[in-house]
Protein backbone atom coordinates (compact mmCIF):
# COMPACT_ATOMS: atom_id res chain seq x y z
CA LEU A 1 108.75 33.26 48.42
CA PHE A 2 107.53 33.12 52.00
CA LYS A 3 103.80 32.90 52.66
CA SER A 4 103.11 34.15 49.12
CA GLN A 5 105.38 37.18 49.56
CA LEU A 6 108.60 37.79 47.69
CA ILE A 7 111.51 38.15 50.11
CA THR A 8 114.55 40.07 48.86
CA ILE A 9 117.66 38.94 50.71
CA ASN A 10 119.37 42.30 50.19
CA PHE A 11 116.63 44.02 52.19
CA LEU A 12 116.36 41.36 54.89
CA VAL A 13 119.12 42.81 57.10
CA ASP A 14 117.72 46.34 56.83
CA ASP A 15 114.22 45.04 57.54
CA LEU A 16 115.46 43.24 60.63
CA ARG A 17 117.24 46.36 61.89
CA PHE A 18 114.11 48.42 61.29
CA TYR A 19 111.96 45.86 63.11
CA LEU A 20 114.35 45.91 66.09
CA GLU A 21 114.16 49.71 66.23
CA ILE A 22 110.35 49.54 66.17
CA ASP A 23 110.43 46.98 68.97
CA LYS A 24 112.74 49.19 71.03
CA PHE A 25 110.48 52.20 70.44
CA SER A 26 107.44 50.13 71.41
CA ARG A 27 109.10 49.16 74.68
CA LEU A 28 109.88 52.84 75.27
CA ALA A 29 106.18 53.65 74.84
CA ASP A 30 105.29 50.90 77.31
CA SER A 31 107.72 52.28 79.88
CA ALA A 32 106.29 55.77 79.33
CA GLU A 33 102.87 54.33 80.09
CA ALA A 34 104.19 52.87 83.33
CA LEU A 35 105.61 56.27 84.30
CA ALA A 36 102.29 57.91 83.46
CA ALA A 37 100.58 55.52 85.85
CA ARG A 38 102.74 57.05 88.57
CA ASN A 39 101.88 60.57 87.33
CA MET A 40 105.46 61.12 86.17
CA GLN A 41 104.48 61.73 82.56
CA SER A 42 101.24 62.92 81.02
CA GLU A 43 98.73 60.58 79.40
CA LYS A 44 98.85 62.80 76.32
CA GLU A 45 102.53 61.97 75.77
CA VAL A 46 101.86 58.25 76.20
CA ALA A 47 99.03 58.39 73.66
CA PHE A 48 101.32 60.22 71.23
CA LEU A 49 104.03 57.55 71.57
CA LYS A 50 101.52 54.75 71.04
CA ARG A 51 100.10 56.42 67.91
CA LYS A 52 103.62 56.90 66.58
CA VAL A 53 104.44 53.21 67.15
CA ALA A 54 101.22 52.16 65.40
CA ILE A 55 101.90 54.37 62.37
CA ILE A 56 105.50 53.25 61.98
CA SER A 57 104.55 49.59 62.41
CA LYS A 58 101.78 49.91 59.83
CA LEU A 59 104.14 51.54 57.33
CA PHE A 60 106.73 48.82 57.91
CA LEU A 61 104.24 45.99 57.49
CA ASN A 62 102.84 47.53 54.29
CA SER A 63 106.29 47.93 52.70
């Protein structure tokens, strides 16, 4: 148990890999935002990426 949550060792490696992918995707969204600031990418695309990161992160944290 860790902070009142059951941790399954078998899933720990997969969870870490998933977290790293989410982190990489989040950084991609941040770089897209920087490009949008220079009018190289639309604000709509940046908003989409940020919503996608939020949804995936929420699903991961709730699993």
